[in-house]
N, C-alpha and C. Protein backbone atom coordinates (compact mmCIF):
# COMPACT_ATOMS: atom_id res chain seq x y z
N UNK A 1 -3.04 -11.71 12.22
CA UNK A 1 -2.72 -10.94 11.27
C UNK A 1 -2.18 -11.65 9.99
N UNK A 2 -1.76 -12.83 10.08
CA UNK A 2 -1.58 -13.50 8.87
C UNK A 2 -2.75 -13.74 8.09
N UNK A 3 -3.81 -14.06 8.68
CA UNK A 3 -4.96 -14.20 7.92
C UNK A 3 -5.26 -12.86 7.00
N UNK A 4 -5.36 -11.72 7.82
CA UNK A 4 -5.74 -10.58 7.19
C UNK A 4 -4.81 -10.22 5.99
N UNK A 5 -3.51 -10.37 6.15
CA UNK A 5 -2.45 -10.13 5.22
C UNK A 5 -2.60 -10.99 3.91
N UNK A 6 -2.90 -12.27 4.22
CA UNK A 6 -3.15 -13.06 2.94
C UNK A 6 -4.54 -12.94 2.13
N UNK A 7 -5.65 -12.72 3.07
CA UNK A 7 -6.94 -12.41 2.39
C UNK A 7 -6.95 -11.17 1.73
N UNK A 8 -6.29 -10.12 2.16
CA UNK A 8 -6.30 -8.77 1.40
C UNK A 8 -5.36 -8.92 0.21
N UNK A 9 -4.30 -9.39 0.36
CA UNK A 9 -3.36 -9.70 -0.72
C UNK A 9 -4.09 -10.59 -1.95
N UNK A 10 -4.57 -11.50 -1.56
CA UNK A 10 -5.28 -12.43 -2.61
C UNK A 10 -6.42 -11.70 -3.38
N UNK A 11 -7.35 -11.11 -2.42
CA UNK A 11 -8.51 -10.42 -3.23
C UNK A 11 -7.99 -9.33 -3.92
N UNK A 12 -6.90 -8.35 -3.41
CA UNK A 12 -6.45 -7.40 -4.26
C UNK A 12 -5.89 -7.88 -5.51
N UNK A 13 -5.15 -8.86 -5.61
CA UNK A 13 -4.61 -9.25 -6.80
C UNK A 13 -5.50 -9.82 -7.67
N UNK A 14 -6.66 -10.56 -7.35
CA UNK A 14 -7.75 -11.05 -8.18
C UNK A 14 -8.29 -9.81 -8.82
N UNK A 15 -8.83 -8.82 -7.87
CA UNK A 15 -9.38 -7.66 -8.47
C UNK A 15 -8.62 -6.89 -9.56
N UNK A 16 -7.17 -6.80 -9.19
CA UNK A 16 -6.37 -6.18 -10.16
C UNK A 16 -6.33 -6.92 -11.50
N UNK A 17 -6.11 -8.12 -11.38
CA UNK A 17 -6.11 -9.02 -12.62
C UNK A 17 -7.53 -9.13 -13.39
N UNK A 18 -8.44 -9.04 -12.87
CA UNK A 18 -9.97 -9.01 -13.41
C UNK A 18 -10.06 -7.77 -14.10
N UNK A 19 -9.70 -6.63 -13.35
CA UNK A 19 -10.03 -5.33 -14.13
C UNK A 19 -9.15 -5.22 -15.32
N UNK A 20 -7.97 -5.80 -15.37
CA UNK A 20 -7.01 -5.67 -16.44
C UNK A 20 -7.54 -6.48 -17.70
N UNK A 21 -8.05 -7.75 -17.29
CA UNK A 21 -8.74 -8.69 -18.27
C UNK A 21 -9.80 -7.87 -18.91
N UNK A 22 -10.70 -7.22 -17.99
CA UNK A 22 -12.03 -6.53 -18.65
C UNK A 22 -11.46 -5.54 -19.65
N UNK A 23 -10.61 -4.68 -19.28
CA UNK A 23 -10.04 -3.57 -20.20
C UNK A 23 -9.38 -3.97 -21.49
N UNK A 24 -8.43 -5.10 -21.33
CA UNK A 24 -7.87 -5.71 -22.45
C UNK A 24 -9.12 -6.17 -23.48
N UNK A 25 -10.23 -6.74 -22.95
CA UNK A 25 -11.22 -7.34 -23.84
C UNK A 25 -12.13 -6.31 -24.22
N UNK A 26 -12.13 -5.14 -23.68
CA UNK A 26 -13.26 -4.08 -23.91
C UNK A 26 -12.74 -2.94 -24.63
N UNK A 27 -11.41 -2.56 -24.70
CA UNK A 27 -10.83 -1.44 -25.37
C UNK A 27 -9.71 -1.77 -26.12
N UNK A 28 -9.54 -1.13 -27.39
CA UNK A 28 -8.59 -1.17 -28.16
C UNK A 28 -7.37 -0.28 -27.47
N UNK A 29 -6.30 -0.80 -27.90
CA UNK A 29 -4.99 -0.07 -27.15
C UNK A 29 -5.05 1.49 -27.57
N UNK A 30 -5.02 2.40 -26.61
CA UNK A 30 -4.88 3.66 -26.86
C UNK A 30 -6.50 4.23 -26.73
N UNK A 31 -7.38 3.45 -26.83
CA UNK A 31 -8.89 3.81 -26.93
C UNK A 31 -9.13 4.32 -25.56
N UNK A 32 -9.80 5.67 -25.59
CA UNK A 32 -10.44 6.15 -24.18
C UNK A 32 -11.90 6.06 -24.29
N UNK A 33 -12.43 5.99 -23.09
CA UNK A 33 -13.90 5.93 -22.91
C UNK A 33 -14.48 7.13 -23.50
N UNK A 34 -15.69 7.00 -23.90
CA UNK A 34 -16.48 7.97 -24.64
C UNK A 34 -16.69 9.45 -23.88
N UNK A 35 -16.83 9.32 -22.51
CA UNK A 35 -16.95 10.22 -21.68
C UNK A 35 -16.00 10.23 -20.58
N UNK A 36 -15.92 11.17 -19.74
CA UNK A 36 -14.93 11.00 -18.52
C UNK A 36 -16.12 10.98 -17.35
N UNK A 37 -15.53 10.66 -16.19
CA UNK A 37 -16.21 10.45 -15.00
C UNK A 37 -15.90 11.58 -14.05
N UNK A 38 -15.68 12.93 -14.58
CA UNK A 38 -15.50 13.93 -13.83
C UNK A 38 -13.94 14.00 -13.65
N UNK A 39 -13.34 13.06 -12.76
CA UNK A 39 -11.81 13.20 -12.58
C UNK A 39 -11.04 12.55 -13.53
N UNK A 40 -11.67 11.54 -14.05
CA UNK A 40 -10.83 10.53 -14.71
C UNK A 40 -11.79 9.82 -15.91
N UNK A 41 -10.97 9.17 -16.77
CA UNK A 41 -11.60 8.68 -17.80
C UNK A 41 -10.77 7.30 -17.93
N UNK A 42 -11.29 6.30 -18.80
CA UNK A 42 -10.70 4.95 -18.87
C UNK A 42 -10.00 5.04 -20.30
N UNK A 43 -8.66 4.61 -20.32
CA UNK A 43 -7.93 4.56 -21.28
C UNK A 43 -6.97 3.40 -21.53
N UNK A 44 -6.92 2.62 -22.40
CA UNK A 44 -6.14 1.24 -22.41
C UNK A 44 -4.52 1.71 -22.70
N UNK A 45 -3.70 1.23 -21.96
CA UNK A 45 -2.31 1.67 -22.09
C UNK A 45 -1.53 0.55 -21.87
N UNK A 46 -0.45 0.02 -22.72
CA UNK A 46 0.46 -0.94 -22.33
C UNK A 46 1.77 -0.39 -21.85
N UNK A 47 2.07 -0.42 -20.64
CA UNK A 47 3.28 0.13 -20.10
C UNK A 47 4.48 -0.85 -19.91
N UNK A 48 5.54 -0.47 -20.70
CA UNK A 48 6.74 -1.34 -20.67
C UNK A 48 7.69 -0.62 -19.59
N UNK A 49 7.45 0.55 -19.07
CA UNK A 49 8.47 1.00 -18.07
C UNK A 49 7.73 1.31 -16.78
N UNK A 50 7.98 2.54 -16.34
CA UNK A 50 7.27 2.92 -15.05
C UNK A 50 6.79 4.30 -15.33
N UNK A 51 6.20 4.90 -14.34
CA UNK A 51 5.38 6.09 -14.57
C UNK A 51 6.24 7.18 -15.16
N UNK A 52 5.48 7.99 -15.83
CA UNK A 52 6.13 9.10 -16.67
C UNK A 52 6.97 8.60 -17.84
N UNK A 53 6.92 7.55 -18.14
CA UNK A 53 7.97 6.88 -19.12
C UNK A 53 9.20 6.56 -18.73
N UNK A 54 9.62 6.56 -17.36
CA UNK A 54 10.83 6.25 -16.83
C UNK A 54 11.05 4.66 -17.10
N UNK A 55 12.30 4.47 -17.40
CA UNK A 55 12.97 3.17 -17.58
C UNK A 55 11.93 2.30 -18.84
N UNK A 56 11.66 2.94 -19.79
CA UNK A 56 10.92 2.36 -20.96
C UNK A 56 11.44 1.25 -21.37
N UNK A 57 10.64 0.29 -21.72
CA UNK A 57 11.29 -1.06 -22.30
C UNK A 57 12.30 -1.84 -21.25
N UNK A 58 11.88 -1.59 -19.96
CA UNK A 58 12.57 -2.23 -19.10
C UNK A 58 11.57 -3.34 -18.28
N UNK A 59 10.83 -3.86 -19.05
CA UNK A 59 9.73 -4.70 -18.47
C UNK A 59 10.47 -5.88 -17.47
N UNK A 60 11.40 -6.60 -17.95
CA UNK A 60 11.80 -7.69 -17.25
C UNK A 60 12.58 -7.18 -16.06
N UNK A 61 13.34 -6.16 -16.13
CA UNK A 61 14.12 -5.80 -14.94
C UNK A 61 13.06 -5.24 -13.90
N UNK A 62 12.06 -4.54 -14.32
CA UNK A 62 11.29 -3.98 -13.30
C UNK A 62 10.33 -5.08 -12.80
N UNK A 63 10.04 -6.12 -13.46
CA UNK A 63 9.42 -7.25 -13.01
C UNK A 63 10.20 -8.03 -11.90
N UNK A 64 11.45 -8.13 -12.14
CA UNK A 64 12.33 -8.63 -11.05
C UNK A 64 12.47 -7.73 -9.86
N UNK A 65 12.50 -6.50 -10.20
CA UNK A 65 12.57 -5.51 -8.96
C UNK A 65 11.36 -5.77 -8.11
N UNK A 66 10.26 -5.86 -8.70
CA UNK A 66 8.92 -6.05 -8.06
C UNK A 66 8.86 -7.21 -7.32
N UNK A 67 9.40 -8.27 -7.70
CA UNK A 67 9.63 -9.62 -6.91
C UNK A 67 10.32 -9.40 -5.71
N UNK A 68 11.48 -8.70 -5.96
CA UNK A 68 12.65 -8.27 -4.92
C UNK A 68 11.71 -7.53 -3.79
N UNK A 69 11.03 -6.58 -4.16
CA UNK A 69 10.31 -5.79 -3.19
C UNK A 69 9.31 -6.68 -2.39
N UNK A 70 8.49 -7.39 -3.33
CA UNK A 70 7.60 -8.36 -2.72
C UNK A 70 8.18 -9.30 -1.74
N UNK A 71 9.28 -9.80 -1.73
CA UNK A 71 9.97 -10.69 -0.84
C UNK A 71 10.30 -9.94 0.15
N UNK A 72 10.98 -8.52 0.11
CA UNK A 72 11.49 -7.75 1.27
C UNK A 72 10.08 -7.49 1.99
N UNK A 73 8.86 -7.28 1.46
CA UNK A 73 7.49 -7.02 2.18
C UNK A 73 7.23 -8.04 3.09
N UNK A 74 7.31 -9.40 2.40
CA UNK A 74 7.12 -10.57 3.25
C UNK A 74 8.09 -10.78 4.32
N UNK A 75 9.52 -10.48 4.11
CA UNK A 75 10.28 -10.53 5.30
C UNK A 75 9.91 -9.58 6.32
N UNK A 76 9.58 -8.26 5.95
CA UNK A 76 9.16 -7.27 6.76
C UNK A 76 8.06 -7.57 7.62
N UNK A 77 7.00 -8.46 6.88
CA UNK A 77 5.75 -8.79 7.70
C UNK A 77 6.10 -9.67 8.64
N UNK A 78 6.93 -10.72 8.43
CA UNK A 78 7.28 -11.70 9.42
C UNK A 78 8.33 -11.35 10.42
N UNK A 79 9.05 -10.22 10.24
CA UNK A 79 10.13 -9.86 11.23
C UNK A 79 9.53 -8.46 11.77
N UNK A 80 8.52 -7.81 11.61
CA UNK A 80 7.96 -6.61 12.02
C UNK A 80 8.62 -6.33 13.45
N UNK A 81 8.04 -7.10 14.30
CA UNK A 81 8.59 -6.60 15.72
C UNK A 81 10.07 -6.17 15.89
N UNK A 82 10.89 -6.94 15.16
CA UNK A 82 12.41 -6.93 15.42
C UNK A 82 12.73 -5.23 14.69
N UNK A 83 12.01 -5.08 13.71
CA UNK A 83 12.46 -3.77 13.07
C UNK A 83 11.77 -2.55 13.43
N UNK A 84 10.44 -2.63 13.86
CA UNK A 84 9.66 -1.50 14.31
C UNK A 84 9.61 -1.49 15.80
N UNK A 85 9.99 -2.65 16.43
CA UNK A 85 9.82 -2.33 17.94
C UNK A 85 8.43 -2.53 18.56
N UNK A 86 7.49 -2.97 17.59
CA UNK A 86 6.02 -3.19 18.13
C UNK A 86 5.48 -4.28 17.35
N UNK A 87 4.43 -4.90 17.77
CA UNK A 87 3.83 -5.99 16.84
C UNK A 87 2.76 -5.27 15.81
N UNK A 88 2.73 -5.70 14.84
CA UNK A 88 1.93 -5.09 13.84
C UNK A 88 0.54 -4.92 14.08
N UNK A 89 -0.08 -3.61 13.78
CA UNK A 89 -1.53 -3.66 14.03
C UNK A 89 -2.10 -3.77 12.59
N UNK A 90 -3.36 -3.69 12.72
CA UNK A 90 -4.21 -4.07 11.48
C UNK A 90 -3.94 -3.23 10.50
N UNK A 91 -3.73 -1.84 10.63
CA UNK A 91 -3.60 -0.86 9.65
C UNK A 91 -2.20 -1.22 8.82
N UNK A 92 -1.16 -1.42 9.66
CA UNK A 92 0.24 -1.84 9.13
C UNK A 92 0.07 -3.07 8.35
N UNK A 93 -0.54 -4.02 8.70
CA UNK A 93 -0.88 -5.32 8.01
C UNK A 93 -1.57 -4.98 6.70
N UNK A 94 -2.73 -4.22 6.89
CA UNK A 94 -3.49 -3.81 5.43
C UNK A 94 -2.61 -3.17 4.54
N UNK A 95 -1.99 -2.15 4.93
CA UNK A 95 -0.74 -1.55 4.05
C UNK A 95 0.17 -2.42 3.58
N UNK A 96 0.80 -3.37 4.26
CA UNK A 96 1.84 -4.23 3.75
C UNK A 96 1.08 -5.16 2.64
N UNK A 97 -0.10 -5.60 2.85
CA UNK A 97 -0.85 -6.45 2.07
C UNK A 97 -1.05 -5.90 0.65
N UNK A 98 -1.54 -4.54 0.83
CA UNK A 98 -1.74 -3.85 -0.49
C UNK A 98 -0.61 -3.58 -1.37
N UNK A 99 0.53 -3.17 -0.67
CA UNK A 99 1.84 -2.87 -1.46
C UNK A 99 2.20 -4.20 -2.10
N UNK A 100 2.21 -5.36 -1.31
CA UNK A 100 2.57 -6.61 -1.82
C UNK A 100 1.76 -7.04 -3.09
N UNK A 101 0.43 -6.91 -2.84
CA UNK A 101 -0.41 -7.26 -3.80
C UNK A 101 -0.14 -6.33 -5.11
N UNK A 102 -0.02 -5.05 -4.98
CA UNK A 102 0.11 -4.30 -6.03
C UNK A 102 1.42 -4.63 -6.71
N UNK A 103 2.53 -4.80 -6.17
CA UNK A 103 3.78 -5.30 -6.73
C UNK A 103 3.56 -6.75 -7.40
N UNK A 104 2.91 -7.57 -6.86
CA UNK A 104 2.80 -8.88 -7.43
C UNK A 104 1.88 -8.86 -8.55
N UNK A 105 0.83 -8.12 -8.63
CA UNK A 105 -0.16 -7.79 -9.72
C UNK A 105 0.57 -7.19 -11.05
N UNK A 106 1.48 -6.27 -10.63
CA UNK A 106 2.17 -5.78 -11.93
C UNK A 106 3.15 -6.53 -12.22
N UNK A 107 3.79 -7.33 -11.54
CA UNK A 107 4.98 -8.41 -11.79
C UNK A 107 4.34 -9.32 -12.73
N UNK A 108 3.23 -9.88 -12.27
CA UNK A 108 2.62 -10.96 -13.11
C UNK A 108 2.41 -10.31 -14.58
N UNK A 109 1.89 -9.14 -14.60
CA UNK A 109 1.77 -8.63 -16.09
C UNK A 109 3.02 -8.53 -16.79
N UNK A 110 4.17 -8.16 -15.96
CA UNK A 110 5.39 -8.06 -16.82
C UNK A 110 5.89 -9.26 -17.30
N UNK A 111 5.77 -10.28 -16.51
CA UNK A 111 6.35 -11.65 -16.89
C UNK A 111 5.49 -12.42 -17.75
N UNK A 112 4.10 -12.27 -17.68
CA UNK A 112 3.25 -13.01 -18.61
C UNK A 112 2.92 -12.21 -20.02
N UNK A 113 2.79 -11.01 -19.79
CA UNK A 113 2.33 -10.31 -21.06
C UNK A 113 3.57 -9.40 -21.56
N UNK A 114 4.68 -9.04 -20.77
CA UNK A 114 5.73 -8.14 -21.34
C UNK A 114 5.41 -6.76 -21.12
N UNK A 115 4.34 -6.53 -20.48
CA UNK A 115 3.78 -5.10 -20.06
C UNK A 115 2.96 -5.06 -19.11
N UNK A 116 2.73 -3.84 -18.47
CA UNK A 116 1.60 -3.71 -17.32
C UNK A 116 0.42 -2.99 -18.15
N UNK A 117 -0.81 -3.68 -17.85
CA UNK A 117 -1.94 -3.00 -18.49
C UNK A 117 -2.35 -1.80 -17.49
N UNK A 118 -2.56 -0.63 -18.13
CA UNK A 118 -2.94 0.48 -17.34
C UNK A 118 -4.18 1.20 -18.01
N UNK A 119 -5.00 1.55 -17.23
CA UNK A 119 -6.39 2.13 -17.76
C UNK A 119 -7.05 3.22 -16.97
N UNK A 120 -6.51 3.77 -15.94
CA UNK A 120 -7.44 4.87 -15.11
C UNK A 120 -6.34 6.10 -15.55
N UNK A 121 -7.04 7.13 -16.21
CA UNK A 121 -6.48 8.31 -16.60
C UNK A 121 -7.16 9.36 -16.25
N UNK A 122 -6.39 10.31 -15.34
CA UNK A 122 -6.92 11.49 -14.63
C UNK A 122 -6.98 12.41 -15.76
N UNK A 123 -8.21 13.19 -15.80
CA UNK A 123 -8.49 14.07 -16.91
C UNK A 123 -8.30 15.59 -16.42
N UNK A 124 -7.84 15.93 -15.21
CA UNK A 124 -7.70 17.27 -14.68
C UNK A 124 -6.21 17.60 -14.32
N UNK A 125 -5.45 16.51 -14.53
CA UNK A 125 -4.03 16.69 -14.22
C UNK A 125 -3.25 15.89 -15.18
N UNK A 126 -1.82 16.30 -15.47
CA UNK A 126 -1.06 15.36 -16.30
C UNK A 126 -0.39 14.43 -15.52
N UNK A 127 -1.07 13.38 -15.49
CA UNK A 127 -0.52 12.18 -14.65
C UNK A 127 -0.42 10.82 -15.37
N UNK A 128 0.45 10.04 -14.95
CA UNK A 128 0.39 8.61 -15.71
C UNK A 128 -0.73 7.92 -15.64
N UNK A 129 -1.19 7.14 -16.70
CA UNK A 129 -2.25 6.25 -16.42
C UNK A 129 -1.66 4.98 -15.58
N UNK A 130 -2.81 4.59 -14.76
CA UNK A 130 -2.34 3.73 -13.97
C UNK A 130 -3.62 2.53 -13.73
N UNK A 131 -3.36 1.70 -12.61
CA UNK A 131 -4.18 0.58 -12.52
C UNK A 131 -4.51 0.28 -11.03
N UNK A 132 -5.42 -0.82 -10.94
CA UNK A 132 -5.44 -1.23 -9.47
C UNK A 132 -4.51 -1.64 -8.62
N UNK A 133 -3.45 -2.32 -9.39
CA UNK A 133 -2.28 -2.50 -8.54
C UNK A 133 -1.54 -1.24 -8.10
N UNK A 134 -1.40 -0.31 -8.92
CA UNK A 134 -0.78 0.99 -8.46
C UNK A 134 -1.55 1.69 -7.49
N UNK A 135 -2.86 1.51 -7.35
CA UNK A 135 -3.61 2.06 -6.23
C UNK A 135 -3.12 1.40 -4.97
N UNK A 136 -3.17 0.03 -4.99
CA UNK A 136 -2.71 -0.91 -3.89
C UNK A 136 -1.43 -0.34 -3.33
N UNK A 137 -0.51 0.02 -4.23
CA UNK A 137 0.73 0.25 -3.95
C UNK A 137 0.85 1.79 -2.99
N UNK A 138 0.06 2.62 -3.68
CA UNK A 138 0.13 4.00 -3.19
C UNK A 138 -0.56 4.10 -1.92
N UNK A 139 -1.88 3.60 -1.85
CA UNK A 139 -2.73 3.56 -0.71
C UNK A 139 -2.09 2.70 0.33
N UNK A 140 -1.54 1.65 -0.03
CA UNK A 140 -0.89 0.80 0.97
C UNK A 140 0.23 1.46 1.71
N UNK A 141 1.10 2.10 1.08
CA UNK A 141 2.22 2.92 1.77
C UNK A 141 1.53 3.84 2.79
N UNK A 142 0.63 4.81 2.25
CA UNK A 142 -0.02 5.70 3.15
C UNK A 142 -0.63 4.95 4.26
N UNK A 143 -1.21 3.91 4.16
CA UNK A 143 -1.84 3.09 5.28
C UNK A 143 -0.67 2.77 6.34
N UNK A 144 0.38 2.12 5.78
CA UNK A 144 1.65 1.76 6.50
C UNK A 144 2.05 3.00 7.48
N UNK A 145 2.00 4.01 6.88
CA UNK A 145 2.60 5.18 7.62
C UNK A 145 1.63 5.60 8.80
N UNK A 146 0.43 5.66 8.41
CA UNK A 146 -0.65 6.05 9.48
C UNK A 146 -0.68 4.93 10.44
N UNK A 147 -0.49 3.65 10.11
CA UNK A 147 -0.54 2.50 11.06
C UNK A 147 0.64 2.59 11.96
N UNK A 148 1.84 3.07 11.46
CA UNK A 148 3.02 3.15 12.27
C UNK A 148 2.87 4.31 13.17
N UNK A 149 2.39 5.47 12.69
CA UNK A 149 2.14 6.66 13.54
C UNK A 149 1.15 6.23 14.73
N UNK A 150 0.04 5.59 14.45
CA UNK A 150 -0.97 5.04 15.45
C UNK A 150 -0.36 4.35 16.41
N UNK A 151 0.66 3.25 16.06
CA UNK A 151 1.27 2.55 16.98
C UNK A 151 2.32 3.20 17.81
N UNK A 152 2.99 4.16 17.32
CA UNK A 152 3.90 4.87 18.14
C UNK A 152 3.19 5.84 19.21
N UNK A 153 2.01 6.36 18.58
CA UNK A 153 1.38 7.16 19.55
C UNK A 153 0.83 6.19 20.58
N UNK A 154 0.34 5.10 20.41
CA UNK A 154 -0.15 4.12 21.30
C UNK A 154 1.09 3.82 22.46
N UNK A 155 2.22 3.56 21.88
CA UNK A 155 3.36 3.30 22.65
C UNK A 155 3.61 4.43 23.53
N UNK A 156 3.52 5.61 23.20
CA UNK A 156 3.78 6.70 23.77
C UNK A 156 2.96 7.00 25.00
N UNK A 157 1.60 6.80 24.73
CA UNK A 157 0.63 6.87 25.67
C UNK A 157 0.73 5.82 26.90
N UNK A 158 1.07 4.59 26.60
CA UNK A 158 1.25 3.41 27.36
C UNK A 158 2.54 3.88 28.26
N UNK A 159 3.63 4.38 27.68
CA UNK A 159 4.90 4.84 28.43
C UNK A 159 4.42 5.96 29.35
N UNK A 160 3.59 6.87 29.01
CA UNK A 160 3.19 7.95 29.90
C UNK A 160 2.33 7.30 31.12
N UNK A 161 1.37 6.47 30.82
CA UNK A 161 0.71 5.74 31.93
C UNK A 161 1.55 5.07 32.96
N UNK A 162 2.54 4.38 32.25
CA UNK A 162 3.57 3.50 33.17
C UNK A 162 4.24 4.43 34.06
N UNK A 163 4.56 5.68 33.55
CA UNK A 163 5.42 6.69 34.24
C UNK A 163 4.74 7.19 35.39
N UNK A 164 3.48 7.68 34.97
CA UNK A 164 2.56 8.22 36.01
C UNK A 164 2.02 7.28 37.16
N UNK A 165 2.24 6.12 37.00
CA UNK A 165 1.85 5.02 37.99
C UNK A 165 2.97 4.57 38.71
N UNK A 166 4.25 5.16 38.50
CA UNK A 166 5.36 4.70 39.36
C UNK A 166 5.20 5.24 40.83
N UNK A 167 5.63 4.56 41.67
CA UNK A 167 5.63 5.05 43.10
C UNK A 167 6.08 6.61 43.38
N UNK A 168 5.46 7.26 44.29
CA UNK A 168 5.63 8.51 44.23
C UNK A 168 5.04 9.54 43.44
N UNK A 169 4.38 9.14 42.53
CA UNK A 169 3.66 9.98 41.49
C UNK A 169 2.20 9.77 41.49
N UNK A 170 1.57 10.84 41.98
CA UNK A 170 0.20 10.78 42.31
C UNK A 170 -0.53 11.66 41.22
N UNK A 171 -1.61 11.25 40.82
CA UNK A 171 -2.25 12.14 39.68
C UNK A 171 -3.78 12.15 40.26
N UNK A 172 -4.30 13.43 39.60
CA UNK A 172 -5.76 13.71 40.01
C UNK A 172 -6.64 13.10 38.81
N UNK A 173 -7.95 13.50 38.97
CA UNK A 173 -8.81 12.94 37.97
C UNK A 173 -8.67 13.23 36.77
N UNK A 174 -7.96 14.41 36.23
CA UNK A 174 -7.71 14.77 34.95
C UNK A 174 -6.52 14.14 34.32
N UNK A 175 -5.74 13.46 35.17
CA UNK A 175 -4.59 12.72 34.75
C UNK A 175 -3.20 13.60 35.00
N UNK A 176 -3.50 14.81 35.72
CA UNK A 176 -2.40 15.67 35.86
C UNK A 176 -1.79 15.19 37.12
N UNK A 177 -0.46 15.23 37.17
CA UNK A 177 0.30 15.05 38.29
C UNK A 177 0.12 16.19 39.58
N UNK A 178 0.01 15.60 40.83
CA UNK A 178 -0.13 16.44 41.83
C UNK A 178 1.22 16.32 42.66
N UNK A 179 1.36 17.45 43.42
CA UNK A 179 2.47 17.31 44.31
C UNK A 179 2.29 16.54 45.55
N UNK A 180 3.00 15.75 45.88
CA UNK A 180 2.94 14.85 47.14
C UNK A 180 2.55 15.58 48.29
N UNK A 181 1.49 14.90 49.11
CA UNK A 181 1.25 15.88 50.30
C UNK A 181 2.09 15.26 51.25
N UNK A 182 2.25 16.10 52.19
CA UNK A 182 3.03 15.76 53.53
C UNK A 182 3.75 16.43 54.16
């Protein structure tokens, strides 16, 4: 799982940073793409706060917070069995790596440039402009939840099988318990 975590995190940070470099070099600040792509358009924004303008001009503090979250994710990754009661599955690993990479990508922007480069702008809804790092954080969180649910359901099935195989419990072909004969 360590190889999956590291691979996904490195690839996502590189993808995030390359897209930001592209839009910084191809668009003027505030410039939007000539057309939209149905649901979104590209528009270059320098964000010194969070979504919806929260904590504007708090770039450094938000960068520090991102780093703290990334460290917490690393600790959770390393100590997951103690916290969750089961070993990480590939979905949980993927999700943690995406959240980690997203936090790291935006923290790099905040410390290097003093702002986060955002460029994806929904056209059908009033929503903050965002970037690839933000996609990683959002999708990663959803994937972690799905992975945790999958792990819990698997553990529940294992417990059911163990209980049905206890002495005195017989089951038929469909897995339903039968009354002991006798």
